[in-house]
Amino acid sequence: MSSGNSATGEACASGVDLSQYDEEQVRLMAEECILIDENDAVTGHASKKHCHLMENIEKGVLHRAFSVFLFNSEGKLLLQQRSPEKITFPECWTNTCCSHPLYRPEELIEDHQQGVRFAARRKLQHELSIDPSQINLEDFIFLTRIHYLAPSDGLWGEHESTVLFTENDLDHQAVPNEVKDTKWVSQEELREFMATAEQQNVKITPWFRLIVEKFIYKWWSQLENLDTSQQNEIHRM
């Protein structure tokens, strides 16, 4: 695999002081994400830190990412609350797992989104201790792509993502440095959760709120026969 084009703004990004953050989360900021253009074509790679700095996002830096929605046999969706140690969107509630494929051979495979599926399985283990042997890559159903831009604070933000659904009864245990809490919700429980979040001072990640408002309930009602006709679409929000 060739090294590709690394981001030219890395030098600028390296000037940001990370000493205030959790040591493990800082280490993860050195991982190499996959840079893409507006059509999801790979253009190079850059550190997770570079990709999540708002100064770079505002210049158009876009990286490949994914959001996993895990449902159990009762049709309930697993939510997670991000750890307070997370650098972006700490303590926010969101969908089951949200992360990035890395610039490595197995996660760059484009055919049938194999690279993203591999990354999703890796991160489900990393964040929720889900044994990879419980998940076949084919268990992930790729639905569509969403490009959105959302600031976390004045310094950090997000600009991504690919949506994956899977229905499976999987044992999980939150990894404290990644996940503060989890819970299974029905459609009705999610509606109530979202409707009362602001009143209850509950923080929600912007990508999860967007997907809930625009897509989730239609997809949820089709779990037994998901519509995959929008796999080639990119929803620009």
C-alpha atoms as a PDB file:
ATOM      1  CA  MET A   1       0.000   0.000   0.000  1.00  0.00           C
ATOM      2  CA  SER A   2       1.373   3.407  -0.864  1.00  0.00           C
ATOM      3  CA  SER A   3       1.539   6.046   1.826  1.00  0.00           C
ATOM      4  CA  GLY A   4      -0.867   8.328  -0.027  1.00  0.00           C
ATOM      5  CA  ASN A   5      -1.045  12.067   0.586  1.00  0.00           C
ATOM      6  CA  SER A   6      -0.874  13.126   4.217  1.00  0.00           C
ATOM      7  CA  ALA A   7      -2.650  16.320   5.211  1.00  0.00           C
ATOM      8  CA  THR A   8      -0.636  19.460   4.655  1.00  0.00           C
ATOM      9  CA  GLY A   9      -2.076  21.067   7.784  1.00  0.00           C
ATOM     10  CA  GLU A  10      -0.540  18.589  10.243  1.00  0.00           C
ATOM     11  CA  ALA A  11       2.128  21.055  11.311  1.00  0.00           C
ATOM     12  CA  CYS A  12      -0.501  23.593  12.279  1.00  0.00           C
ATOM     13  CA  ALA A  13      -2.592  20.980  14.053  1.00  0.00           C
ATOM     14  CA  SER A  14       0.371  19.789  16.086  1.00  0.00           C
ATOM     15  CA  GLY A  15       0.484  23.139  17.862  1.00  0.00           C
ATOM     16  CA  VAL A  16      -2.686  22.377  19.844  1.00  0.00           C
ATOM     17  CA  ASP A  17      -1.950  21.556  23.489  1.00  0.00           C
ATOM     18  CA  LEU A  18      -3.486  18.203  24.481  1.00  0.00           C
ATOM     19  CA  SER A  19      -2.033  18.059  27.992  1.00  0.00           C
ATOM     20  CA  GLN A  20      -5.426  18.739  29.589  1.00  0.00           C
ATOM     21  CA  TYR A  21      -6.953  15.579  28.095  1.00  0.00           C
ATOM     22  CA  ASP A  22      -6.951  11.910  29.066  1.00  0.00           C
ATOM     23  CA  GLU A  23      -3.682  10.174  28.134  1.00  0.00           C
ATOM     24  CA  GLU A  24      -5.325   7.260  26.308  1.00  0.00           C
ATOM     25  CA  GLN A  25      -7.639   9.524  24.336  1.00  0.00           C
ATOM     26  CA  VAL A  26      -4.655  11.663  23.357  1.00  0.00           C
ATOM     27  CA  ARG A  27      -2.847   8.540  22.151  1.00  0.00           C
ATOM     28  CA  LEU A  28      -5.804   7.680  19.933  1.00  0.00           C
ATOM     29  CA  MET A  29      -5.635  11.146  18.379  1.00  0.00           C
ATOM     30  CA  ALA A  30      -2.477   9.988  16.564  1.00  0.00           C
ATOM     31  CA  GLU A  31      -4.379   7.312  14.602  1.00  0.00           C
ATOM     32  CA  GLU A  32      -4.449   7.901  10.860  1.00  0.00           C
ATOM     33  CA  CYS A  33      -7.944   8.504   9.472  1.00  0.00           C
ATOM     34  CA  ILE A  34      -8.933   8.226   5.807  1.00  0.00           C
ATOM     35  CA  LEU A  35      -9.369  11.533   4.012  1.00  0.00           C
ATOM     36  CA  ILE A  36     -12.099  11.634   1.361  1.00  0.00           C
ATOM     37  CA  ASP A  37     -13.595  14.076  -1.097  1.00  0.00           C
ATOM     38  CA  GLU A  38     -17.254  15.085  -1.300  1.00  0.00           C
ATOM     39  CA  ASN A  39     -18.002  11.879  -3.225  1.00  0.00           C
ATOM     40  CA  ASP A  40     -16.387   9.589  -0.626  1.00  0.00           C
ATOM     41  CA  ALA A  41     -13.316   8.888  -2.788  1.00  0.00           C
ATOM     42  CA  VAL A  42     -10.087   8.431  -0.841  1.00  0.00           C
ATOM     43  CA  THR A  43      -7.689  11.356  -1.191  1.00  0.00           C
ATOM     44  CA  GLY A  44      -5.109  10.586   1.490  1.00  0.00           C
ATOM     45  CA  HIS A  45      -4.783  10.343   5.230  1.00  0.00           C
ATOM     46  CA  ALA A  46      -4.334  12.513   8.316  1.00  0.00           C
ATOM     47  CA  SER A  47      -4.292  12.094  12.060  1.00  0.00           C
ATOM     48  CA  LYS A  48      -7.530  11.892  13.990  1.00  0.00           C
ATOM     49  CA  LYS A  49      -6.427  15.086  15.701  1.00  0.00           C
ATOM     50  CA  HIS A  50      -6.044  16.918  12.392  1.00  0.00           C
ATOM     51  CA  CYS A  51      -9.406  15.661  11.122  1.00  0.00           C
ATOM     52  CA  HIS A  52     -11.313  16.816  14.202  1.00  0.00           C
ATOM     53  CA  LEU A  53      -9.925  20.323  14.592  1.00  0.00           C
ATOM     54  CA  MET A  54     -12.588  22.841  13.578  1.00  0.00           C
ATOM     55  CA  GLU A  55      -9.995  25.049  11.876  1.00  0.00           C
ATOM     56  CA  ASN A  56      -9.339  22.186   9.433  1.00  0.00           C
ATOM     57  CA  ILE A  57     -12.975  21.123   9.121  1.00  0.00           C
ATOM     58  CA  GLU A  58     -13.884  24.675   8.145  1.00  0.00           C
ATOM     59  CA  LYS A  59     -11.289  24.428   5.368  1.00  0.00           C
ATOM     60  CA  GLY A  60     -13.108  21.385   3.974  1.00  0.00           C
ATOM     61  CA  VAL A  61     -11.213  18.492   5.583  1.00  0.00           C
ATOM     62  CA  LEU A  62     -13.520  15.470   5.379  1.00  0.00           C
ATOM     63  CA  HIS A  63     -12.783  11.993   6.710  1.00  0.00           C
ATOM     64  CA  ARG A  64     -14.508   8.633   6.409  1.00  0.00           C
ATOM     65  CA  ALA A  65     -16.432   7.479   9.456  1.00  0.00           C
ATOM     66  CA  PHE A  66     -19.260   5.161  10.440  1.00  0.00           C
ATOM     67  CA  SER A  67     -22.208   4.923  12.818  1.00  0.00           C
ATOM     68  CA  VAL A  68     -23.334   1.470  13.958  1.00  0.00           C
ATOM     69  CA  PHE A  69     -26.902   0.832  15.115  1.00  0.00           C
ATOM     70  CA  LEU A  70     -27.175  -2.473  16.969  1.00  0.00           C
ATOM     71  CA  PHE A  71     -30.629  -3.969  17.566  1.00  0.00           C
ATOM     72  CA  ASN A  72     -31.454  -7.036  19.653  1.00  0.00           C
ATOM     73  CA  SER A  73     -34.032  -9.736  18.913  1.00  0.00           C
ATOM     74  CA  GLU A  74     -36.673  -7.670  20.734  1.00  0.00           C
ATOM     75  CA  GLY A  75     -36.147  -4.882  18.215  1.00  0.00           C
ATOM     76  CA  LYS A  76     -34.532  -2.564  20.762  1.00  0.00           C
ATOM     77  CA  LEU A  77     -31.634  -0.263  19.889  1.00  0.00           C
ATOM     78  CA  LEU A  78     -28.481  -0.109  22.009  1.00  0.00           C
ATOM     79  CA  LEU A  79     -27.449   3.449  22.934  1.00  0.00           C
ATOM     80  CA  GLN A  80     -24.221   4.513  24.570  1.00  0.00           C
ATOM     81  CA  GLN A  81     -23.205   7.533  26.597  1.00  0.00           C
ATOM     82  CA  ARG A  82     -19.730   8.636  25.653  1.00  0.00           C
ATOM     83  CA  SER A  83     -17.119   8.705  28.388  1.00  0.00           C
ATOM     84  CA  PRO A  84     -16.232  12.022  30.060  1.00  0.00           C
ATOM     85  CA  GLU A  85     -12.664  11.276  28.957  1.00  0.00           C
ATOM     86  CA  LYS A  86     -13.590  11.628  25.272  1.00  0.00           C
ATOM     87  CA  ILE A  87     -12.087  14.702  23.646  1.00  0.00           C
ATOM     88  CA  THR A  88     -15.041  15.278  21.327  1.00  0.00           C
ATOM     89  CA  PHE A  89     -18.636  15.226  22.565  1.00  0.00           C
ATOM     90  CA  PRO A  90     -17.879  13.916  26.095  1.00  0.00           C
ATOM     91  CA  GLU A  91     -20.824  12.460  28.051  1.00  0.00           C
ATOM     92  CA  CYS A  92     -23.161  12.793  25.060  1.00  0.00           C
ATOM     93  CA  TRP A  93     -25.653  10.012  24.347  1.00  0.00           C
ATOM     94  CA  THR A  94     -25.493   8.527  20.876  1.00  0.00           C
ATOM     95  CA  ASN A  95     -26.036   5.374  18.828  1.00  0.00           C
ATOM     96  CA  THR A  96     -24.286   2.083  19.560  1.00  0.00           C
ATOM     97  CA  CYS A  97     -20.846   2.900  18.162  1.00  0.00           C
ATOM     98  CA  CYS A  98     -19.401   5.799  16.178  1.00  0.00           C
ATOM     99  CA  SER A  99     -15.835   5.866  14.914  1.00  0.00           C
ATOM    100  CA  HIS A 100     -13.517   5.842  11.912  1.00  0.00           C
ATOM    101  CA  PRO A 101     -11.877   3.271   9.669  1.00  0.00           C
ATOM    102  CA  LEU A 102      -8.134   3.801   9.746  1.00  0.00           C
ATOM    103  CA  TYR A 103      -5.632   4.197   6.937  1.00  0.00           C
ATOM    104  CA  ARG A 104      -4.524   0.565   6.969  1.00  0.00           C
ATOM    105  CA  PRO A 105      -4.956  -2.100   4.255  1.00  0.00           C
ATOM    106  CA  GLU A 106      -7.855  -4.050   5.743  1.00  0.00           C
ATOM    107  CA  GLU A 107      -9.876  -0.891   6.469  1.00  0.00           C
ATOM    108  CA  LEU A 108      -9.293   0.668   3.056  1.00  0.00           C
ATOM    109  CA  ILE A 109     -11.088  -2.152   1.189  1.00  0.00           C
ATOM    110  CA  GLU A 110     -13.855  -0.530  -0.857  1.00  0.00           C
ATOM    111  CA  ASP A 111     -15.589  -3.658  -2.161  1.00  0.00           C
ATOM    112  CA  HIS A 112     -18.925  -4.078  -0.333  1.00  0.00           C
ATOM    113  CA  GLN A 113     -17.709  -1.562   2.272  1.00  0.00           C
ATOM    114  CA  GLN A 114     -15.494  -4.298   3.727  1.00  0.00           C
ATOM    115  CA  GLY A 115     -13.040  -1.815   5.203  1.00  0.00           C
ATOM    116  CA  VAL A 116     -15.734   0.050   7.109  1.00  0.00           C
ATOM    117  CA  ARG A 117     -17.285  -3.229   8.277  1.00  0.00           C
ATOM    118  CA  PHE A 118     -13.909  -4.427   9.560  1.00  0.00           C
ATOM    119  CA  ALA A 119     -13.431  -1.144  11.417  1.00  0.00           C
ATOM    120  CA  ALA A 120     -16.923  -1.343  12.907  1.00  0.00           C
ATOM    121  CA  ARG A 121     -16.243  -4.813  14.304  1.00  0.00           C
ATOM    122  CA  ARG A 122     -12.899  -3.617  15.710  1.00  0.00           C
ATOM    123  CA  LYS A 123     -14.491  -0.649  17.469  1.00  0.00           C
ATOM    124  CA  LEU A 124     -17.400  -2.623  18.910  1.00  0.00           C
ATOM    125  CA  GLN A 125     -14.771  -4.648  20.735  1.00  0.00           C
ATOM    126  CA  HIS A 126     -12.764  -1.572  21.708  1.00  0.00           C
ATOM    127  CA  GLU A 127     -15.722   0.376  23.119  1.00  0.00           C
ATOM    128  CA  LEU A 128     -18.177  -2.322  24.222  1.00  0.00           C
ATOM    129  CA  SER A 129     -16.046  -5.459  24.670  1.00  0.00           C
ATOM    130  CA  ILE A 130     -18.064  -7.309  22.020  1.00  0.00           C
ATOM    131  CA  ASP A 131     -16.166 -10.406  20.930  1.00  0.00           C
ATOM    132  CA  PRO A 132     -15.382 -10.102  17.194  1.00  0.00           C
ATOM    133  CA  SER A 133     -16.101 -13.824  16.800  1.00  0.00           C
ATOM    134  CA  GLN A 134     -19.771 -13.027  17.489  1.00  0.00           C
ATOM    135  CA  ILE A 135     -19.992 -10.779  14.434  1.00  0.00           C
ATOM    136  CA  ASN A 136     -19.640 -11.709  10.788  1.00  0.00           C
ATOM    137  CA  LEU A 137     -18.795  -8.783   8.537  1.00  0.00           C
ATOM    138  CA  GLU A 138     -21.877  -9.699   6.507  1.00  0.00           C
ATOM    139  CA  ASP A 139     -24.021  -9.050   9.609  1.00  0.00           C
ATOM    140  CA  PHE A 140     -23.582  -5.323   9.016  1.00  0.00           C
ATOM    141  CA  ILE A 141     -26.114  -3.878   6.591  1.00  0.00           C
ATOM    142  CA  PHE A 142     -24.822  -0.774   4.832  1.00  0.00           C
ATOM    143  CA  LEU A 143     -27.657   1.707   4.321  1.00  0.00           C
ATOM    144  CA  THR A 144     -26.327   5.048   3.147  1.00  0.00           C
ATOM    145  CA  ARG A 145     -23.811   7.861   3.613  1.00  0.00           C
ATOM    146  CA  ILE A 146     -24.364  11.145   5.410  1.00  0.00           C
ATOM    147  CA  HIS A 147     -22.104  14.188   5.209  1.00  0.00           C
ATOM    148  CA  TYR A 148     -22.666  16.617   8.053  1.00  0.00           C
ATOM    149  CA  LEU A 149     -20.596  19.176   9.910  1.00  0.00           C
ATOM    150  CA  ALA A 150     -20.972  19.650  13.665  1.00  0.00           C
ATOM    151  CA  PRO A 151     -18.809  21.519  16.198  1.00  0.00           C
ATOM    152  CA  SER A 152     -18.163  19.895  19.577  1.00  0.00           C
ATOM    153  CA  ASP A 153     -16.808  23.115  21.079  1.00  0.00           C
ATOM    154  CA  GLY A 154     -14.786  25.964  19.668  1.00  0.00           C
ATOM    155  CA  LEU A 155     -11.791  23.722  18.993  1.00  0.00           C
ATOM    156  CA  TRP A 156     -13.097  20.274  17.943  1.00  0.00           C
ATOM    157  CA  GLY A 157     -15.821  18.975  15.630  1.00  0.00           C
ATOM    158  CA  GLU A 158     -16.982  16.236  13.242  1.00  0.00           C
ATOM    159  CA  HIS A 159     -17.394  16.024   9.465  1.00  0.00           C
ATOM    160  CA  GLU A 160     -18.442  12.542   8.239  1.00  0.00           C
ATOM    161  CA  SER A 161     -20.277   9.456   8.041  1.00  0.00           C
ATOM    162  CA  THR A 162     -21.525   5.993   6.872  1.00  0.00           C
ATOM    163  CA  VAL A 163     -24.552   4.251   8.431  1.00  0.00           C
ATOM    164  CA  LEU A 164     -24.469   0.532   9.310  1.00  0.00           C
ATOM    165  CA  PHE A 165     -27.299  -1.497  10.860  1.00  0.00           C
ATOM    166  CA  THR A 166     -27.012  -4.906  12.464  1.00  0.00           C
ATOM    167  CA  GLU A 167     -29.504  -7.053  14.362  1.00  0.00           C
ATOM    168  CA  ASN A 168     -27.891  -9.481  16.779  1.00  0.00           C
ATOM    169  CA  ASP A 169     -28.098 -10.529  20.428  1.00  0.00           C
ATOM    170  CA  LEU A 170     -24.582  -9.667  21.553  1.00  0.00           C
ATOM    171  CA  ASP A 171     -23.103  -9.587  25.026  1.00  0.00           C
ATOM    172  CA  HIS A 172     -21.492  -6.254  25.766  1.00  0.00           C
ATOM    173  CA  GLN A 173     -19.697  -4.472  28.575  1.00  0.00           C
ATOM    174  CA  ALA A 174     -18.792  -0.801  28.427  1.00  0.00           C
ATOM    175  CA  VAL A 175     -15.087   0.059  28.392  1.00  0.00           C
ATOM    176  CA  PRO A 176     -14.938   2.961  30.901  1.00  0.00           C
ATOM    177  CA  ASN A 177     -12.418   5.069  29.004  1.00  0.00           C
ATOM    178  CA  GLU A 178     -14.729   4.975  25.972  1.00  0.00           C
ATOM    179  CA  VAL A 179     -18.277   4.536  27.282  1.00  0.00           C
ATOM    180  CA  LYS A 180     -19.887   5.833  30.483  1.00  0.00           C
ATOM    181  CA  ASP A 181     -23.236   4.028  30.192  1.00  0.00           C
ATOM    182  CA  THR A 182     -25.459   2.031  27.839  1.00  0.00           C
ATOM    183  CA  LYS A 183     -29.135   1.231  27.535  1.00  0.00           C
ATOM    184  CA  TRP A 184     -31.538  -0.567  25.211  1.00  0.00           C
ATOM    185  CA  VAL A 185     -34.519   1.457  23.984  1.00  0.00           C
ATOM    186  CA  SER A 186     -37.685   0.780  22.025  1.00  0.00           C
ATOM    187  CA  GLN A 187     -38.961   3.254  19.433  1.00  0.00           C
ATOM    188  CA  GLU A 188     -41.345   4.729  21.981  1.00  0.00           C
ATOM    189  CA  GLU A 189     -38.613   4.999  24.602  1.00  0.00           C
ATOM    190  CA  LEU A 190     -36.293   6.738  22.151  1.00  0.00           C
ATOM    191  CA  ARG A 191     -38.995   9.243  21.195  1.00  0.00           C
ATOM    192  CA  GLU A 192     -39.506  10.070  24.879  1.00  0.00           C
ATOM    193  CA  PHE A 193     -35.750  10.193  25.511  1.00  0.00           C
ATOM    194  CA  MET A 194     -35.169  12.654  22.667  1.00  0.00           C
ATOM    195  CA  ALA A 195     -38.217  14.770  23.507  1.00  0.00           C
ATOM    196  CA  THR A 196     -37.164  15.274  27.136  1.00  0.00           C
ATOM    197  CA  ALA A 197     -33.376  15.422  26.659  1.00  0.00           C
ATOM    198  CA  GLU A 198     -33.051  19.205  26.883  1.00  0.00           C
ATOM    199  CA  GLN A 199     -35.369  19.426  29.889  1.00  0.00           C
ATOM    200  CA  GLN A 200     -33.395  16.665  31.638  1.00  0.00           C
ATOM    201  CA  ASN A 201     -30.056  18.287  30.717  1.00  0.00           C
ATOM    202  CA  VAL A 202     -29.138  15.215  28.644  1.00  0.00           C
ATOM    203  CA  LYS A 203     -26.629  15.858  25.868  1.00  0.00           C
ATOM    204  CA  ILE A 204     -27.103  14.181  22.460  1.00  0.00           C
ATOM    205  CA  THR A 205     -24.485  13.949  19.709  1.00  0.00           C
ATOM    206  CA  PRO A 206     -25.478  16.021  16.667  1.00  0.00           C
ATOM    207  CA  TRP A 207     -25.118  13.130  14.218  1.00  0.00           C
ATOM    208  CA  PHE A 208     -27.402  10.908  16.274  1.00  0.00           C
ATOM    209  CA  ARG A 209     -29.995  13.670  16.596  1.00  0.00           C
ATOM    210  CA  LEU A 210     -29.848  14.234  12.848  1.00  0.00           C
ATOM    211  CA  ILE A 211     -30.265  10.531  12.033  1.00  0.00           C
ATOM    212  CA  VAL A 212     -33.121  10.193  14.526  1.00  0.00           C
ATOM    213  CA  GLU A 213     -34.945  13.210  13.093  1.00  0.00           C
ATOM    214  CA  LYS A 214     -34.449  12.330   9.428  1.00  0.00           C
ATOM    215  CA  PHE A 215     -34.112   8.556   9.096  1.00  0.00           C
ATOM    216  CA  ILE A 216     -34.211   6.256  12.097  1.00  0.00           C
ATOM    217  CA  TYR A 217     -37.883   5.432  12.536  1.00  0.00           C
ATOM    218  CA  LYS A 218     -38.420   4.536   8.879  1.00  0.00           C
ATOM    219  CA  TRP A 219     -35.384   2.231   8.970  1.00  0.00           C
ATOM    220  CA  TRP A 220     -36.399   0.827  12.335  1.00  0.00           C
ATOM    221  CA  SER A 221     -39.810  -0.227  11.007  1.00  0.00           C
ATOM    222  CA  GLN A 222     -38.046  -2.175   8.226  1.00  0.00           C
ATOM    223  CA  LEU A 223     -35.613  -4.199  10.340  1.00  0.00           C
ATOM    224  CA  GLU A 224     -36.762  -7.479   8.833  1.00  0.00           C
ATOM    225  CA  ASN A 225     -36.400  -6.166   5.287  1.00  0.00           C
ATOM    226  CA  LEU A 226     -34.210  -3.073   5.256  1.00  0.00           C
ATOM    227  CA  ASP A 227     -34.297  -0.835   2.198  1.00  0.00           C
ATOM    228  CA  THR A 228     -30.748  -0.671   0.837  1.00  0.00           C
ATOM    229  CA  SER A 229     -31.628   1.315  -2.275  1.00  0.00           C
ATOM    230  CA  GLN A 230     -29.811   4.434  -0.999  1.00  0.00           C
ATOM    231  CA  GLN A 231     -26.376   2.862  -0.723  1.00  0.00           C
ATOM    232  CA  ASN A 232     -25.088   5.070  -3.526  1.00  0.00           C
ATOM    233  CA  GLU A 233     -26.666   8.221  -2.101  1.00  0.00           C
ATOM    234  CA  ILE A 234     -24.796  10.827  -0.066  1.00  0.00           C
ATOM    235  CA  HIS A 235     -27.128  12.873   2.087  1.00  0.00           C
ATOM    236  CA  ARG A 236     -25.560  16.278   2.584  1.00  0.00           C
ATOM    237  CA  MET A 237     -26.824  17.914   5.769  1.00  0.00           C
END
